[in-house]
Amino acid sequence: MGANELSALLWRERELLELLIFKLEEEHLLLQGGKGRWLQHATREVEQVLNLVREAGLGRAVEVASLATEWGTNEEATLRELASHAPAGPWGEIFAAHLKAMGDLTVQIKELRDTNEKFIRSAARSAQETLAGLNPAAATYDARGNDGAPLSAAARLFDQNL
């Protein structure tokens, strides 16, 4: 293995990070559109891509260690250190470009993750407020499972599209 293989692994990792951005944007659109019905599928897809990113990161770490040994640097060198200790030629610039691109993708991922988290927290807070408003005088349950509130014959309607 060598620099070419590491560069190919970095391209693959970048593609996975872009796919993660796409999946997070899908999740964001579902949250924004109130399509909670599909949210679990989108979240599962995000988790699947995250697992692939983790696996690619492990492969990269192994390849960086191998190449660091080949180039006579510390086996525990990071990609940044490897790029700075690259022999004469294009590899230092190539690895630095990979690092910059991956850093930019990471910033986008963090922004999307934070935005989606705000949407989810807001929706959870709204659901809690709605449920709390259904029976404002609710107390603790007794041994029979009753909450002490008078039974109401009024029907409650919940929106199934949430």
N, C-alpha and C. Protein backbone atom coordinates (compact mmCIF):
# COMPACT_ATOMS: atom_id res chain seq x y z
N MET A 1 0.84 -1.18 0.00
CA MET A 1 0.00 0.00 0.00
C MET A 1 0.89 1.24 0.00
N GLY A 2 0.31 2.34 -0.43
CA GLY A 2 1.10 3.55 -0.49
C GLY A 2 0.23 4.78 -0.58
N ALA A 3 0.84 5.83 -1.09
CA ALA A 3 0.16 7.12 -1.17
C ALA A 3 -1.05 7.07 -2.09
N ASN A 4 -0.95 6.34 -3.20
CA ASN A 4 -2.09 6.23 -4.12
C ASN A 4 -3.29 5.60 -3.43
N GLU A 5 -3.04 4.54 -2.69
CA GLU A 5 -4.13 3.85 -1.99
C GLU A 5 -4.75 4.74 -0.92
N LEU A 6 -3.89 5.48 -0.21
CA LEU A 6 -4.41 6.39 0.82
C LEU A 6 -5.26 7.48 0.16
N SER A 7 -4.80 8.02 -0.95
CA SER A 7 -5.57 9.04 -1.64
C SER A 7 -6.92 8.49 -2.09
N ALA A 8 -6.94 7.25 -2.59
CA ALA A 8 -8.21 6.62 -3.00
C ALA A 8 -9.14 6.45 -1.79
N LEU A 9 -8.58 6.07 -0.65
CA LEU A 9 -9.40 5.94 0.56
C LEU A 9 -9.96 7.30 0.99
N LEU A 10 -9.16 8.33 0.85
CA LEU A 10 -9.62 9.67 1.22
C LEU A 10 -10.74 10.15 0.29
N TRP A 11 -10.62 9.83 -1.00
CA TRP A 11 -11.71 10.16 -1.92
C TRP A 11 -12.99 9.45 -1.52
N ARG A 12 -12.87 8.18 -1.17
CA ARG A 12 -14.05 7.41 -0.75
C ARG A 12 -14.66 8.01 0.51
N GLU A 13 -13.81 8.41 1.45
CA GLU A 13 -14.31 9.01 2.69
C GLU A 13 -15.00 10.34 2.40
N ARG A 14 -14.46 11.11 1.48
CA ARG A 14 -15.10 12.37 1.10
C ARG A 14 -16.46 12.12 0.47
N GLU A 15 -16.56 11.10 -0.38
CA GLU A 15 -17.84 10.76 -0.99
C GLU A 15 -18.86 10.36 0.08
N LEU A 16 -18.41 9.62 1.08
CA LEU A 16 -19.31 9.23 2.16
C LEU A 16 -19.76 10.44 2.98
N LEU A 17 -18.85 11.39 3.21
CA LEU A 17 -19.23 12.61 3.93
C LEU A 17 -20.26 13.41 3.12
N GLU A 18 -20.10 13.45 1.81
CA GLU A 18 -21.09 14.13 0.97
C GLU A 18 -22.43 13.41 1.01
N LEU A 19 -22.40 12.09 1.03
CA LEU A 19 -23.63 11.31 1.14
C LEU A 19 -24.30 11.57 2.50
N LEU A 20 -23.49 11.72 3.53
CA LEU A 20 -24.04 12.03 4.85
C LEU A 20 -24.72 13.40 4.84
N ILE A 21 -24.12 14.36 4.18
CA ILE A 21 -24.75 15.68 4.05
C ILE A 21 -26.09 15.55 3.34
N PHE A 22 -26.12 14.78 2.27
CA PHE A 22 -27.37 14.56 1.54
C PHE A 22 -28.44 13.95 2.46
N LYS A 23 -28.07 12.94 3.23
CA LYS A 23 -29.03 12.27 4.11
C LYS A 23 -29.50 13.21 5.22
N LEU A 24 -28.60 14.03 5.73
CA LEU A 24 -29.00 15.01 6.75
C LEU A 24 -29.93 16.07 6.15
N GLU A 25 -29.69 16.45 4.91
CA GLU A 25 -30.59 17.41 4.26
C GLU A 25 -31.96 16.78 4.01
N GLU A 26 -31.99 15.50 3.65
CA GLU A 26 -33.27 14.80 3.52
C GLU A 26 -34.03 14.84 4.85
N GLU A 27 -33.31 14.51 5.91
CA GLU A 27 -33.91 14.53 7.24
C GLU A 27 -34.43 15.93 7.57
N HIS A 28 -33.65 16.94 7.22
CA HIS A 28 -34.05 18.32 7.47
C HIS A 28 -35.33 18.68 6.72
N LEU A 29 -35.42 18.27 5.47
CA LEU A 29 -36.62 18.56 4.68
C LEU A 29 -37.85 17.87 5.26
N LEU A 30 -37.68 16.65 5.75
CA LEU A 30 -38.80 15.95 6.39
C LEU A 30 -39.23 16.67 7.66
N LEU A 31 -38.28 17.11 8.45
CA LEU A 31 -38.61 17.84 9.68
C LEU A 31 -39.29 19.16 9.35
N GLN A 32 -38.75 19.85 8.38
CA GLN A 32 -39.30 21.15 7.99
C GLN A 32 -40.71 21.01 7.42
N GLY A 33 -40.95 19.94 6.69
CA GLY A 33 -42.25 19.73 6.07
C GLY A 33 -43.26 19.04 6.99
N GLY A 34 -42.85 18.72 8.22
CA GLY A 34 -43.77 18.07 9.15
C GLY A 34 -44.08 16.63 8.77
N LYS A 35 -43.20 15.99 8.07
CA LYS A 35 -43.41 14.61 7.61
C LYS A 35 -42.75 13.62 8.58
N GLY A 36 -43.17 13.65 9.82
CA GLY A 36 -42.61 12.80 10.85
C GLY A 36 -42.76 11.32 10.57
N ARG A 37 -43.71 10.98 9.74
CA ARG A 37 -43.96 9.57 9.40
C ARG A 37 -42.73 8.91 8.79
N TRP A 38 -41.93 9.67 8.04
CA TRP A 38 -40.77 9.12 7.33
C TRP A 38 -39.46 9.38 8.06
N LEU A 39 -39.54 10.08 9.17
CA LEU A 39 -38.33 10.49 9.88
C LEU A 39 -37.49 9.30 10.34
N GLN A 40 -38.14 8.24 10.80
CA GLN A 40 -37.38 7.09 11.28
C GLN A 40 -36.57 6.45 10.16
N HIS A 41 -37.10 6.46 8.94
CA HIS A 41 -36.35 5.91 7.80
C HIS A 41 -35.13 6.78 7.48
N ALA A 42 -35.35 8.08 7.49
CA ALA A 42 -34.24 9.00 7.20
C ALA A 42 -33.16 8.90 8.28
N THR A 43 -33.58 8.78 9.52
CA THR A 43 -32.62 8.66 10.61
C THR A 43 -31.83 7.37 10.50
N ARG A 44 -32.49 6.29 10.14
CA ARG A 44 -31.80 5.02 9.95
C ARG A 44 -30.76 5.13 8.83
N GLU A 45 -31.11 5.81 7.76
CA GLU A 45 -30.16 5.98 6.66
C GLU A 45 -28.96 6.82 7.08
N VAL A 46 -29.19 7.85 7.89
CA VAL A 46 -28.09 8.66 8.42
C VAL A 46 -27.16 7.77 9.25
N GLU A 47 -27.74 6.93 10.10
CA GLU A 47 -26.93 6.04 10.94
C GLU A 47 -26.14 5.05 10.10
N GLN A 48 -26.73 4.55 9.02
CA GLN A 48 -26.02 3.61 8.14
C GLN A 48 -24.82 4.29 7.48
N VAL A 49 -25.00 5.52 7.01
CA VAL A 49 -23.90 6.24 6.39
C VAL A 49 -22.83 6.56 7.43
N LEU A 50 -23.24 6.91 8.65
CA LEU A 50 -22.27 7.16 9.72
C LEU A 50 -21.42 5.93 10.00
N ASN A 51 -22.02 4.76 9.97
CA ASN A 51 -21.25 3.53 10.16
C ASN A 51 -20.22 3.35 9.05
N LEU A 52 -20.62 3.65 7.81
CA LEU A 52 -19.68 3.56 6.69
C LEU A 52 -18.54 4.56 6.83
N VAL A 53 -18.86 5.75 7.33
CA VAL A 53 -17.83 6.78 7.54
C VAL A 53 -16.85 6.31 8.62
N ARG A 54 -17.37 5.70 9.69
CA ARG A 54 -16.49 5.19 10.74
C ARG A 54 -15.56 4.11 10.20
N GLU A 55 -16.10 3.20 9.41
CA GLU A 55 -15.28 2.14 8.82
C GLU A 55 -14.21 2.73 7.91
N ALA A 56 -14.58 3.72 7.11
CA ALA A 56 -13.61 4.37 6.23
C ALA A 56 -12.53 5.08 7.04
N GLY A 57 -12.92 5.67 8.16
CA GLY A 57 -11.95 6.33 9.03
C GLY A 57 -10.95 5.34 9.61
N LEU A 58 -11.42 4.15 9.96
CA LEU A 58 -10.51 3.13 10.46
C LEU A 58 -9.53 2.68 9.38
N GLY A 59 -10.05 2.48 8.17
CA GLY A 59 -9.19 2.11 7.05
C GLY A 59 -8.15 3.18 6.76
N ARG A 60 -8.58 4.44 6.86
CA ARG A 60 -7.66 5.55 6.64
C ARG A 60 -6.56 5.55 7.70
N ALA A 61 -6.94 5.34 8.97
CA ALA A 61 -5.96 5.34 10.05
C ALA A 61 -4.90 4.26 9.84
N VAL A 62 -5.33 3.09 9.40
CA VAL A 62 -4.40 2.00 9.13
C VAL A 62 -3.46 2.38 7.99
N GLU A 63 -4.02 2.95 6.94
CA GLU A 63 -3.21 3.30 5.78
C GLU A 63 -2.26 4.45 6.10
N VAL A 64 -2.69 5.41 6.91
CA VAL A 64 -1.81 6.51 7.31
C VAL A 64 -0.64 5.96 8.12
N ALA A 65 -0.91 5.05 9.04
CA ALA A 65 0.16 4.45 9.84
C ALA A 65 1.15 3.71 8.95
N SER A 66 0.66 2.98 7.98
CA SER A 66 1.52 2.23 7.07
C SER A 66 2.39 3.18 6.23
N LEU A 67 1.76 4.22 5.70
CA LEU A 67 2.49 5.17 4.88
C LEU A 67 3.48 5.98 5.72
N ALA A 68 3.11 6.30 6.94
CA ALA A 68 4.02 7.03 7.83
C ALA A 68 5.29 6.22 8.08
N THR A 69 5.12 4.93 8.29
CA THR A 69 6.28 4.06 8.48
C THR A 69 7.13 4.03 7.21
N GLU A 70 6.47 3.95 6.07
CA GLU A 70 7.18 3.92 4.78
C GLU A 70 7.95 5.21 4.55
N TRP A 71 7.40 6.33 4.99
CA TRP A 71 8.04 7.63 4.79
C TRP A 71 8.98 7.99 5.93
N GLY A 72 9.11 7.11 6.91
CA GLY A 72 10.07 7.33 7.99
C GLY A 72 9.60 8.31 9.06
N THR A 73 8.29 8.46 9.21
CA THR A 73 7.77 9.32 10.28
C THR A 73 7.13 8.44 11.35
N ASN A 74 6.60 9.06 12.36
CA ASN A 74 5.98 8.36 13.48
C ASN A 74 4.78 7.55 12.99
N GLU A 75 4.69 6.31 13.41
CA GLU A 75 3.60 5.43 12.99
C GLU A 75 2.24 5.96 13.44
N GLU A 76 2.22 6.74 14.50
CA GLU A 76 0.96 7.29 15.03
C GLU A 76 0.68 8.68 14.49
N ALA A 77 1.32 9.04 13.39
CA ALA A 77 1.13 10.36 12.79
C ALA A 77 -0.30 10.52 12.29
N THR A 78 -0.79 11.74 12.37
CA THR A 78 -2.10 12.05 11.81
C THR A 78 -1.93 12.33 10.32
N LEU A 79 -3.03 12.44 9.63
CA LEU A 79 -2.98 12.76 8.21
C LEU A 79 -2.32 14.12 8.00
N ARG A 80 -2.60 15.07 8.86
CA ARG A 80 -2.01 16.41 8.76
C ARG A 80 -0.48 16.32 8.91
N GLU A 81 -0.04 15.54 9.89
CA GLU A 81 1.41 15.36 10.09
C GLU A 81 2.03 14.64 8.90
N LEU A 82 1.32 13.66 8.39
CA LEU A 82 1.82 12.93 7.23
C LEU A 82 1.97 13.86 6.03
N ALA A 83 0.99 14.72 5.83
CA ALA A 83 1.06 15.67 4.71
C ALA A 83 2.24 16.62 4.87
N SER A 84 2.50 17.04 6.10
CA SER A 84 3.62 17.98 6.31
C SER A 84 4.98 17.28 6.20
N HIS A 85 5.03 15.96 6.38
CA HIS A 85 6.29 15.22 6.28
C HIS A 85 6.40 14.45 4.96
N ALA A 86 5.56 14.78 4.00
CA ALA A 86 5.58 14.07 2.72
C ALA A 86 6.90 14.36 2.00
N PRO A 87 7.41 13.37 1.29
CA PRO A 87 8.63 13.61 0.51
C PRO A 87 8.36 14.60 -0.62
N ALA A 88 9.42 15.05 -1.23
CA ALA A 88 9.28 16.00 -2.33
C ALA A 88 8.35 15.43 -3.40
N GLY A 89 7.49 16.27 -3.89
CA GLY A 89 6.52 15.83 -4.89
C GLY A 89 5.14 16.36 -4.54
N PRO A 90 4.12 15.86 -5.21
CA PRO A 90 2.77 16.41 -5.04
C PRO A 90 2.00 15.90 -3.81
N TRP A 91 2.49 14.85 -3.14
CA TRP A 91 1.67 14.22 -2.11
C TRP A 91 1.32 15.12 -0.94
N GLY A 92 2.22 15.99 -0.55
CA GLY A 92 1.92 16.91 0.54
C GLY A 92 0.74 17.80 0.21
N GLU A 93 0.72 18.33 -1.01
CA GLU A 93 -0.38 19.18 -1.45
C GLU A 93 -1.67 18.39 -1.62
N ILE A 94 -1.56 17.19 -2.15
CA ILE A 94 -2.75 16.36 -2.36
C ILE A 94 -3.41 16.04 -1.02
N PHE A 95 -2.61 15.61 -0.05
CA PHE A 95 -3.18 15.27 1.26
C PHE A 95 -3.71 16.50 1.97
N ALA A 96 -3.03 17.65 1.81
CA ALA A 96 -3.53 18.90 2.40
C ALA A 96 -4.87 19.29 1.79
N ALA A 97 -5.02 19.08 0.48
CA ALA A 97 -6.30 19.39 -0.18
C ALA A 97 -7.40 18.46 0.33
N HIS A 98 -7.07 17.18 0.52
CA HIS A 98 -8.05 16.26 1.09
C HIS A 98 -8.48 16.73 2.48
N LEU A 99 -7.51 17.12 3.29
CA LEU A 99 -7.81 17.58 4.64
C LEU A 99 -8.73 18.80 4.63
N LYS A 100 -8.43 19.76 3.75
CA LYS A 100 -9.27 20.96 3.68
C LYS A 100 -10.69 20.61 3.25
N ALA A 101 -10.81 19.78 2.23
CA ALA A 101 -12.14 19.39 1.75
C ALA A 101 -12.92 18.65 2.83
N MET A 102 -12.25 17.75 3.53
CA MET A 102 -12.93 17.00 4.58
C MET A 102 -13.31 17.91 5.75
N GLY A 103 -12.48 18.90 6.04
CA GLY A 103 -12.81 19.87 7.08
C GLY A 103 -14.04 20.69 6.71
N ASP A 104 -14.11 21.12 5.44
CA ASP A 104 -15.27 21.88 4.97
C ASP A 104 -16.54 21.04 5.05
N LEU A 105 -16.45 19.77 4.65
CA LEU A 105 -17.61 18.87 4.72
C LEU A 105 -18.05 18.67 6.17
N THR A 106 -17.08 18.57 7.06
CA THR A 106 -17.40 18.37 8.48
C THR A 106 -18.15 19.57 9.04
N VAL A 107 -17.76 20.76 8.64
CA VAL A 107 -18.46 21.97 9.09
C VAL A 107 -19.91 21.94 8.62
N GLN A 108 -20.14 21.57 7.37
CA GLN A 108 -21.51 21.48 6.85
C GLN A 108 -22.32 20.43 7.61
N ILE A 109 -21.70 19.31 7.92
CA ILE A 109 -22.38 18.24 8.66
C ILE A 109 -22.79 18.73 10.04
N LYS A 110 -21.89 19.42 10.73
CA LYS A 110 -22.20 19.93 12.07
C LYS A 110 -23.35 20.92 12.02
N GLU A 111 -23.35 21.81 11.03
CA GLU A 111 -24.43 22.79 10.91
C GLU A 111 -25.77 22.11 10.68
N LEU A 112 -25.81 21.14 9.78
CA LEU A 112 -27.06 20.42 9.51
C LEU A 112 -27.51 19.63 10.74
N ARG A 113 -26.58 18.97 11.39
CA ARG A 113 -26.91 18.21 12.59
C ARG A 113 -27.53 19.12 13.66
N ASP A 114 -26.91 20.29 13.88
CA ASP A 114 -27.42 21.22 14.88
C ASP A 114 -28.81 21.74 14.51
N THR A 115 -29.01 22.06 13.25
CA THR A 115 -30.31 22.55 12.78
C THR A 115 -31.38 21.48 12.97
N ASN A 116 -31.07 20.25 12.58
CA ASN A 116 -32.03 19.16 12.72
C ASN A 116 -32.35 18.91 14.19
N GLU A 117 -31.35 19.00 15.03
CA GLU A 117 -31.57 18.79 16.47
C GLU A 117 -32.51 19.86 17.03
N LYS A 118 -32.36 21.10 16.57
CA LYS A 118 -33.26 22.17 17.02
C LYS A 118 -34.70 21.87 16.59
N PHE A 119 -34.88 21.42 15.36
CA PHE A 119 -36.22 21.06 14.87
C PHE A 119 -36.82 19.94 15.74
N ILE A 120 -36.04 18.93 16.03
CA ILE A 120 -36.53 17.79 16.81
C ILE A 120 -36.89 18.23 18.22
N ARG A 121 -36.05 19.05 18.84
CA ARG A 121 -36.34 19.53 20.20
C ARG A 121 -37.60 20.39 20.22
N SER A 122 -37.74 21.22 19.20
CA SER A 122 -38.93 22.06 19.11
C SER A 122 -40.19 21.21 18.95
N ALA A 123 -40.11 20.19 18.12
CA ALA A 123 -41.27 19.31 17.91
C ALA A 123 -41.60 18.54 19.18
N ALA A 124 -40.59 18.07 19.89
CA ALA A 124 -40.82 17.34 21.14
C ALA A 124 -41.45 18.27 22.19
N ARG A 125 -40.95 19.48 22.27
CA ARG A 125 -41.50 20.46 23.22
C ARG A 125 -42.96 20.77 22.88
N SER A 126 -43.25 20.93 21.60
CA SER A 126 -44.61 21.21 21.16
C SER A 126 -45.54 20.04 21.50
N ALA A 127 -45.07 18.81 21.28
CA ALA A 127 -45.88 17.64 21.60
C ALA A 127 -46.14 17.55 23.10
N GLN A 128 -45.12 17.84 23.91
CA GLN A 128 -45.29 17.80 25.36
C GLN A 128 -46.30 18.85 25.81
N GLU A 129 -46.22 20.04 25.24
CA GLU A 129 -47.16 21.10 25.61
C GLU A 129 -48.58 20.73 25.20
N THR A 130 -48.73 20.11 24.03
CA THR A 130 -50.05 19.69 23.58
C THR A 130 -50.62 18.63 24.50
N LEU A 131 -49.81 17.65 24.84
CA LEU A 131 -50.28 16.58 25.72
C LEU A 131 -50.58 17.11 27.12
N ALA A 132 -49.78 18.04 27.60
CA ALA A 132 -50.01 18.61 28.92
C ALA A 132 -51.33 19.40 28.93
N GLY A 133 -51.69 20.00 27.81
CA GLY A 133 -52.92 20.78 27.73
C GLY A 133 -54.17 19.93 27.65
N LEU A 134 -54.03 18.64 27.39
CA LEU A 134 -55.21 17.78 27.30
C LEU A 134 -55.86 17.56 28.66
N ASN A 135 -55.08 17.50 29.70
CA ASN A 135 -55.60 17.30 31.05
C ASN A 135 -54.74 18.09 32.03
N PRO A 136 -55.02 19.39 32.14
CA PRO A 136 -54.17 20.22 32.97
C PRO A 136 -54.24 19.88 34.46
N ALA A 137 -55.28 19.20 34.88
CA ALA A 137 -55.42 18.88 36.29
C ALA A 137 -54.95 17.46 36.61
N ALA A 138 -54.16 16.89 35.77
CA ALA A 138 -53.72 15.51 35.97
C ALA A 138 -52.89 15.41 37.24
N ALA A 139 -53.14 14.35 37.97
CA ALA A 139 -52.40 14.10 39.20
C ALA A 139 -51.68 12.77 39.06
N THR A 140 -51.15 12.30 40.16
CA THR A 140 -50.49 10.99 40.11
C THR A 140 -51.55 9.90 40.07
N TYR A 141 -51.15 8.71 39.67
CA TYR A 141 -52.08 7.59 39.56
C TYR A 141 -52.21 6.88 40.90
N ASP A 142 -53.43 6.37 41.15
CA ASP A 142 -53.62 5.58 42.36
C ASP A 142 -53.40 4.10 42.05
N ALA A 143 -53.69 3.22 43.01
CA ALA A 143 -53.44 1.79 42.86
C ALA A 143 -54.26 1.16 41.74
N ARG A 144 -55.39 1.78 41.39
CA ARG A 144 -56.24 1.24 40.32
C ARG A 144 -55.89 1.81 38.95
N GLY A 145 -54.93 2.72 38.91
CA GLY A 145 -54.54 3.31 37.63
C GLY A 145 -55.31 4.56 37.28
N ASN A 146 -56.12 5.07 38.21
CA ASN A 146 -56.89 6.28 37.97
C ASN A 146 -56.05 7.49 38.37
N ASP A 147 -56.25 8.58 37.65
CA ASP A 147 -55.49 9.78 37.98
C ASP A 147 -56.28 10.75 38.85
N GLY A 148 -57.46 10.40 39.24
CA GLY A 148 -58.27 11.24 40.12
C GLY A 148 -59.09 12.28 39.40
N ALA A 149 -58.88 12.45 38.11
CA ALA A 149 -59.65 13.42 37.35
C ALA A 149 -60.98 12.78 36.95
N PRO A 150 -62.04 13.58 36.88
CA PRO A 150 -63.32 13.02 36.46
C PRO A 150 -63.23 12.51 35.03
N LEU A 151 -63.90 11.40 34.78
CA LEU A 151 -63.91 10.82 33.44
C LEU A 151 -64.70 11.73 32.51
N SER A 152 -64.17 11.92 31.34
CA SER A 152 -64.81 12.78 30.35
C SER A 152 -65.30 11.92 29.19
N ALA A 153 -66.49 12.22 28.74
CA ALA A 153 -67.05 11.48 27.61
C ALA A 153 -66.63 12.12 26.29
N ALA A 154 -65.97 13.27 26.38
CA ALA A 154 -65.57 13.97 25.16
C ALA A 154 -64.46 13.21 24.45
N ALA A 155 -64.57 13.15 23.16
CA ALA A 155 -63.55 12.46 22.36
C ALA A 155 -62.37 13.39 22.14
N ARG A 156 -61.23 12.80 21.95
CA ARG A 156 -60.02 13.57 21.64
C ARG A 156 -59.56 13.17 20.25
N LEU A 157 -59.17 14.16 19.45
CA LEU A 157 -58.72 13.90 18.11
C LEU A 157 -57.25 14.28 18.02
N PHE A 158 -56.45 13.34 17.55
CA PHE A 158 -55.02 13.58 17.36
C PHE A 158 -54.71 13.55 15.87
N ASP A 159 -53.80 14.41 15.46
CA ASP A 159 -53.40 14.45 14.05
C ASP A 159 -52.48 13.28 13.75
N GLN A 160 -52.87 12.42 12.85
CA GLN A 160 -52.08 11.23 12.51
C GLN A 160 -50.88 11.57 11.64
N ASN A 161 -50.79 12.77 11.09
CA ASN A 161 -49.70 13.13 10.18
C ASN A 161 -48.47 13.66 10.90
N LEU A 162 -48.48 13.70 12.19
CA LEU A 162 -47.30 14.20 12.90
C LEU A 162 -46.23 13.19 12.97
